[in-house]
Amino acid sequence: MPKEDPMSIRAQVATALMLGLVACSSSSSPQVTVQNTDPASLKVSPAGVATITFTDLETIRPDNLASGTSGSGCITVAPTGPSSFKYTFNGCQSASGGTMSGTVTVTASGTSPVVDSAVYDVTVTDASGTWHYSGTKVTTINPTAKTATITVPQPFTVAFQSASDASKNKTWTYTPNLQADWSNANAVKFWGTYTFQQTQPAGDTLTATIDQATPLTWTTGCNFPSSGVLDLSLPPAKAEIRFNTSITDATIQQGCGVVTINGYRLTLGQ
């Protein structure tokens, strides 16, 4: 793993869940209304699931892991080869407010570009049940331009087991096609697209778009994104996820992990 990588966000971690969206009849495009807008319902809705999961998986980045080990007691690291490291999570906080356990093994190759291959075997436990993240994510880094691309070579699985009702168990495939920029050492920016497809039982595919003009931004010292906009589409319904620096809370850093889903507030990590 390249020691010179300047991204320095701490890795504590987050889990997201998706919005229950209902499309109402309209002239040309559906109006989207949100049912059950309390935080617990927002987390387990389709928009909540896709947002929290995305936030978890893209907060657990190779650069984040490297910086997090020096400042977080919930992460330990052990070398597994000349350029391979296993990071172990013990009670790190997820976006859903749950706790994270398991491992991410990162192997680096090349110099320009640097290719980080990260193998995930991570479980998040919260009040609703357990979430298991498994698969390989590849980050291809241009160290000169301080940019990167994020993809998966094969399906990346997110599986949920309900704590109370097995009929609610579900599995999704997460497929990112993202760009990152850390030319500003204090702010890592992400944009691009990802899909979140329900595979068990067979279901719909949600598509998320992050415009380069309003990227998701992780700032130094913030466990969750502090600004940016996610547009989610689950035809015929749509949702806007906004990480909003204008929202303040006496208990958290300004804008750090405060989200609105179609205008309804959710604070990550709670």
Protein backbone atom coordinates (compact mmCIF):
# COMPACT_ATOMS: atom_id res chain seq x y z
CA MET A 1 0.00 0.00 0.00
CA PRO A 2 1.56 3.32 -1.04
CA LYS A 3 2.65 5.26 2.01
CA GLU A 4 2.73 8.52 0.08
CA ASP A 5 -1.00 8.43 -0.59
CA PRO A 6 -2.22 11.73 0.88
CA MET A 7 -5.87 10.84 1.48
CA SER A 8 -6.32 11.11 5.22
CA ILE A 9 -9.94 10.52 6.14
CA ARG A 10 -10.40 8.42 9.26
CA ALA A 11 -12.05 5.08 8.76
CA GLN A 12 -14.82 4.52 11.17
CA VAL A 13 -17.47 3.39 8.84
CA ALA A 14 -21.11 3.61 8.01
CA THR A 15 -23.99 1.46 6.64
CA ALA A 16 -26.88 2.80 4.51
CA LEU A 17 -30.34 1.54 3.79
CA MET A 18 -32.94 2.62 1.20
CA LEU A 19 -36.10 4.69 0.92
CA GLY A 20 -39.58 3.25 0.45
CA LEU A 21 -40.69 5.30 -2.53
CA VAL A 22 -44.24 5.49 -3.83
CA ALA A 23 -44.86 6.95 -7.29
CA CYS A 24 -48.08 8.92 -7.51
CA SER A 25 -49.86 9.63 -10.78
CA SER A 26 -48.75 12.79 -12.52
CA SER A 27 -48.80 14.34 -15.97
CA SER A 28 -45.36 13.57 -17.37
CA SER A 29 -43.20 12.29 -14.54
CA PRO A 30 -44.15 10.68 -11.24
CA GLN A 31 -44.13 12.65 -8.05
CA VAL A 32 -42.34 10.78 -5.31
CA THR A 33 -43.72 10.68 -1.80
CA VAL A 34 -42.07 9.12 1.21
CA GLN A 35 -43.89 6.87 3.64
CA ASN A 36 -42.83 6.29 7.26
CA THR A 37 -40.31 9.13 7.53
CA ASP A 38 -38.94 8.33 10.98
CA PRO A 39 -35.17 7.56 10.94
CA ALA A 40 -35.62 3.82 11.52
CA SER A 41 -37.96 3.53 8.53
CA LEU A 42 -35.75 5.67 6.33
CA LYS A 43 -32.77 3.40 7.04
CA VAL A 44 -34.50 0.21 5.90
CA SER A 45 -36.23 1.71 2.87
CA PRO A 46 -34.73 1.03 -0.60
CA ALA A 47 -33.13 4.49 -0.78
CA GLY A 48 -31.76 4.15 2.72
CA VAL A 49 -30.26 0.71 2.09
CA ALA A 50 -28.50 1.77 -1.11
CA THR A 51 -27.21 5.00 0.45
CA ILE A 52 -25.95 3.59 3.75
CA THR A 53 -24.33 0.55 2.12
CA PHE A 54 -22.61 2.78 -0.43
CA THR A 55 -21.38 5.09 2.34
CA ASP A 56 -19.97 2.14 4.29
CA LEU A 57 -18.20 0.58 1.33
CA GLU A 58 -16.67 3.79 0.00
CA THR A 59 -15.61 4.96 3.46
CA ILE A 60 -13.65 1.70 3.83
CA ARG A 61 -11.00 2.71 1.30
CA PRO A 62 -7.34 1.64 1.25
CA ASP A 63 -6.17 5.19 2.07
CA ASN A 64 -8.76 5.45 4.82
CA LEU A 65 -7.74 2.16 6.35
CA ALA A 66 -4.08 3.15 6.41
CA SER A 67 -4.79 6.45 8.16
CA GLY A 68 -7.43 4.96 10.44
CA THR A 69 -5.14 2.43 12.05
CA SER A 70 -3.13 5.19 13.70
CA GLY A 71 -6.15 6.96 15.17
CA SER A 72 -8.82 4.34 15.77
CA GLY A 73 -8.76 1.58 18.36
CA CYS A 74 -11.38 -0.38 16.40
CA ILE A 75 -9.01 -1.17 13.50
CA THR A 76 -5.88 -3.31 13.62
CA VAL A 77 -3.54 -4.12 10.74
CA ALA A 78 -1.20 -7.02 10.00
CA PRO A 79 1.00 -7.54 6.94
CA THR A 80 0.21 -10.64 4.89
CA GLY A 81 2.93 -10.18 2.26
CA PRO A 82 5.40 -7.63 0.84
CA SER A 83 2.57 -5.38 -0.39
CA SER A 84 -0.50 -6.90 1.27
CA PHE A 85 -2.20 -5.97 4.55
CA LYS A 86 -5.17 -7.37 6.46
CA TYR A 87 -7.28 -4.82 8.34
CA THR A 88 -9.49 -6.18 11.12
CA PHE A 89 -12.55 -4.32 12.43
CA ASN A 90 -13.63 -4.69 16.06
CA GLY A 91 -16.72 -2.60 16.83
CA CYS A 92 -16.24 0.25 14.36
CA GLN A 93 -19.36 2.36 13.90
CA SER A 94 -21.42 1.94 10.75
CA ALA A 95 -23.66 4.50 9.04
CA SER A 96 -26.73 2.73 10.38
CA GLY A 97 -25.45 3.17 13.94
CA GLY A 98 -24.53 -0.50 14.13
CA THR A 99 -21.13 -2.07 14.77
CA MET A 100 -18.73 -3.51 12.24
CA SER A 101 -16.57 -6.62 12.47
CA GLY A 102 -14.56 -8.65 9.99
CA THR A 103 -11.65 -8.01 7.64
CA VAL A 104 -10.55 -6.20 4.51
CA THR A 105 -7.36 -7.50 2.87
CA VAL A 106 -5.65 -4.99 0.56
CA THR A 107 -2.96 -5.92 -1.95
CA ALA A 108 -1.14 -3.20 -3.90
CA SER A 109 0.59 -3.67 -7.25
CA GLY A 110 2.29 -1.38 -9.75
CA THR A 111 3.57 2.15 -9.37
CA SER A 112 1.87 4.23 -12.08
CA PRO A 113 -0.91 3.40 -11.81
CA VAL A 114 -1.10 1.82 -8.37
CA VAL A 115 -3.77 -0.89 -8.26
CA ASP A 116 -5.26 -1.68 -4.85
CA SER A 117 -7.29 -4.90 -4.75
CA ALA A 118 -9.40 -5.03 -1.57
CA VAL A 119 -11.14 -8.25 -0.50
CA TYR A 120 -14.06 -7.61 1.90
CA ASP A 121 -15.49 -9.98 4.49
CA VAL A 122 -17.27 -7.52 6.76
CA THR A 123 -20.38 -7.85 8.94
CA VAL A 124 -22.44 -4.96 10.31
CA THR A 125 -24.83 -5.64 13.18
CA ASP A 126 -27.58 -3.18 14.07
CA ALA A 127 -31.06 -3.29 15.56
CA SER A 128 -32.61 -4.60 12.33
CA GLY A 129 -30.24 -7.59 11.92
CA THR A 130 -26.92 -8.29 10.22
CA TRP A 131 -25.47 -7.03 6.95
CA HIS A 132 -22.64 -8.94 5.26
CA TYR A 133 -20.38 -7.29 2.67
CA SER A 134 -18.36 -9.72 0.57
CA GLY A 135 -16.42 -9.34 -2.64
CA THR A 136 -13.43 -7.63 -4.22
CA LYS A 137 -13.17 -3.93 -5.05
CA VAL A 138 -10.40 -2.53 -7.26
CA THR A 139 -9.07 1.03 -6.91
CA THR A 140 -6.78 2.14 -9.73
CA ILE A 141 -4.77 5.19 -8.63
CA ASN A 142 -2.92 7.78 -10.71
CA PRO A 143 -0.48 9.08 -8.05
CA THR A 144 0.59 12.05 -10.16
CA ALA A 145 -2.87 13.40 -10.97
CA LYS A 146 -4.18 12.27 -7.55
CA THR A 147 -7.22 10.61 -9.14
CA ALA A 148 -8.61 7.09 -9.07
CA THR A 149 -11.26 4.81 -10.53
CA ILE A 150 -13.26 2.31 -8.46
CA THR A 151 -14.75 -0.85 -9.96
CA VAL A 152 -15.53 -4.46 -9.07
CA PRO A 153 -14.18 -7.35 -11.21
CA GLN A 154 -17.16 -9.57 -10.34
CA PRO A 155 -20.44 -9.17 -8.44
CA PHE A 156 -20.02 -7.64 -4.98
CA THR A 157 -22.60 -9.04 -2.57
CA VAL A 158 -24.54 -7.29 0.19
CA ALA A 159 -26.67 -9.75 2.20
CA PHE A 160 -29.15 -8.93 4.97
CA GLN A 161 -30.49 -11.30 7.66
CA SER A 162 -33.33 -9.94 9.74
CA ALA A 163 -33.11 -10.22 13.52
CA SER A 164 -36.82 -11.00 13.82
CA ASP A 165 -38.33 -12.14 10.50
CA ALA A 166 -36.56 -14.42 8.03
CA SER A 167 -39.03 -13.44 5.30
CA LYS A 168 -37.30 -10.05 5.23
CA ASN A 169 -33.88 -11.55 4.36
CA LYS A 170 -32.51 -10.13 1.10
CA THR A 171 -29.40 -10.10 -1.07
CA TRP A 172 -28.19 -7.37 -3.42
CA THR A 173 -25.36 -6.92 -5.92
CA TYR A 174 -23.42 -3.66 -5.63
CA THR A 175 -21.66 -2.51 -8.83
CA PRO A 176 -19.73 0.80 -8.67
CA ASN A 177 -18.28 2.78 -11.56
CA LEU A 178 -16.80 5.71 -9.67
CA GLN A 179 -14.15 8.39 -10.03
CA ALA A 180 -12.24 9.92 -7.13
CA ASP A 181 -10.07 13.01 -6.72
CA TRP A 182 -7.88 13.95 -3.75
CA SER A 183 -5.85 16.77 -5.28
CA ASN A 184 -7.05 18.72 -2.23
CA ALA A 185 -5.42 16.72 0.58
CA ASN A 186 -8.23 17.72 2.98
CA ALA A 187 -11.15 16.59 0.84
CA VAL A 188 -11.62 13.33 -1.10
CA LYS A 189 -14.30 13.70 -3.81
CA PHE A 190 -16.35 10.94 -5.47
CA TRP A 191 -18.63 11.01 -8.51
CA GLY A 192 -19.96 8.56 -11.08
CA THR A 193 -22.60 5.85 -10.87
CA TYR A 194 -23.41 2.64 -9.06
CA THR A 195 -26.20 0.09 -9.19
CA PHE A 196 -27.84 -1.83 -6.38
CA GLN A 197 -29.69 -4.87 -7.72
CA GLN A 198 -31.85 -7.11 -5.54
CA THR A 199 -31.03 -10.72 -6.43
CA GLN A 200 -32.61 -12.77 -3.59
CA PRO A 201 -35.52 -12.76 -3.87
CA ALA A 202 -35.33 -11.38 -7.40
CA GLY A 203 -36.25 -7.71 -7.43
CA ASP A 204 -35.60 -4.29 -8.88
CA THR A 205 -32.36 -2.50 -9.70
CA LEU A 206 -31.71 0.90 -8.22
CA THR A 207 -29.34 3.22 -10.10
CA ALA A 208 -27.45 6.01 -8.34
CA THR A 209 -25.80 8.98 -10.04
CA ILE A 210 -23.37 11.45 -8.47
CA ASP A 211 -22.73 14.47 -10.70
CA GLN A 212 -19.13 15.71 -10.88
CA ALA A 213 -20.43 19.23 -10.16
CA THR A 214 -21.84 18.06 -6.79
CA PRO A 215 -19.52 15.21 -5.74
CA LEU A 216 -19.72 13.40 -2.45
CA THR A 217 -16.91 14.80 -0.33
CA TRP A 218 -15.17 13.29 2.69
CA THR A 219 -13.30 15.98 4.65
CA THR A 220 -10.44 15.50 7.11
CA GLY A 221 -11.65 14.31 10.50
CA CYS A 222 -15.18 13.46 9.29
CA ASN A 223 -16.27 9.81 9.36
CA PHE A 224 -19.03 10.36 6.80
CA PRO A 225 -19.49 12.57 3.71
CA SER A 226 -19.98 16.24 4.53
CA SER A 227 -21.42 17.43 1.21
CA GLY A 228 -22.68 16.23 -2.15
CA VAL A 229 -25.82 14.94 -3.86
CA LEU A 230 -26.88 11.41 -4.84
CA ASP A 231 -29.74 10.98 -7.32
CA LEU A 232 -31.43 7.59 -6.99
CA SER A 233 -33.72 6.06 -9.60
CA LEU A 234 -35.99 3.07 -9.00
CA PRO A 235 -38.43 3.49 -11.93
CA PRO A 236 -40.82 5.09 -11.91
CA ALA A 237 -39.75 6.63 -8.60
CA LYS A 238 -36.78 8.88 -7.87
CA ALA A 239 -35.13 10.21 -4.73
CA GLU A 240 -32.55 12.87 -3.90
CA ILE A 241 -30.01 12.14 -1.17
CA ARG A 242 -28.29 15.32 -0.02
CA PHE A 243 -25.28 15.48 2.31
CA ASN A 244 -25.78 19.03 3.45
CA THR A 245 -23.20 21.31 5.03
CA SER A 246 -25.94 23.83 5.82
CA ILE A 247 -27.51 21.46 8.33
CA THR A 248 -26.02 21.83 11.81
CA ASP A 249 -26.40 19.81 14.94
CA ALA A 250 -24.96 20.58 18.36
CA THR A 251 -23.77 16.98 18.76
CA ILE A 252 -21.86 16.60 15.47
CA GLN A 253 -19.40 18.41 13.26
CA GLN A 254 -21.17 20.73 10.80
CA GLY A 255 -22.38 18.77 7.80
CA CYS A 256 -20.64 15.56 8.82
CA GLY A 257 -22.99 12.70 7.96
CA VAL A 258 -26.21 14.72 8.09
CA VAL A 259 -28.37 13.49 5.21
CA THR A 260 -31.76 14.34 3.78
CA ILE A 261 -33.71 11.77 1.75
CA ASN A 262 -36.25 13.69 -0.34
CA GLY A 263 -35.98 16.37 2.36
CA TYR A 264 -36.40 14.03 5.36
CA ARG A 265 -33.48 14.12 7.76
CA LEU A 266 -31.28 11.17 8.72
CA THR A 267 -28.01 11.38 10.68
CA LEU A 268 -25.50 8.65 9.85
CA GLY A 269 -24.03 6.69 12.74
CA GLN A 270 -27.16 7.01 14.88
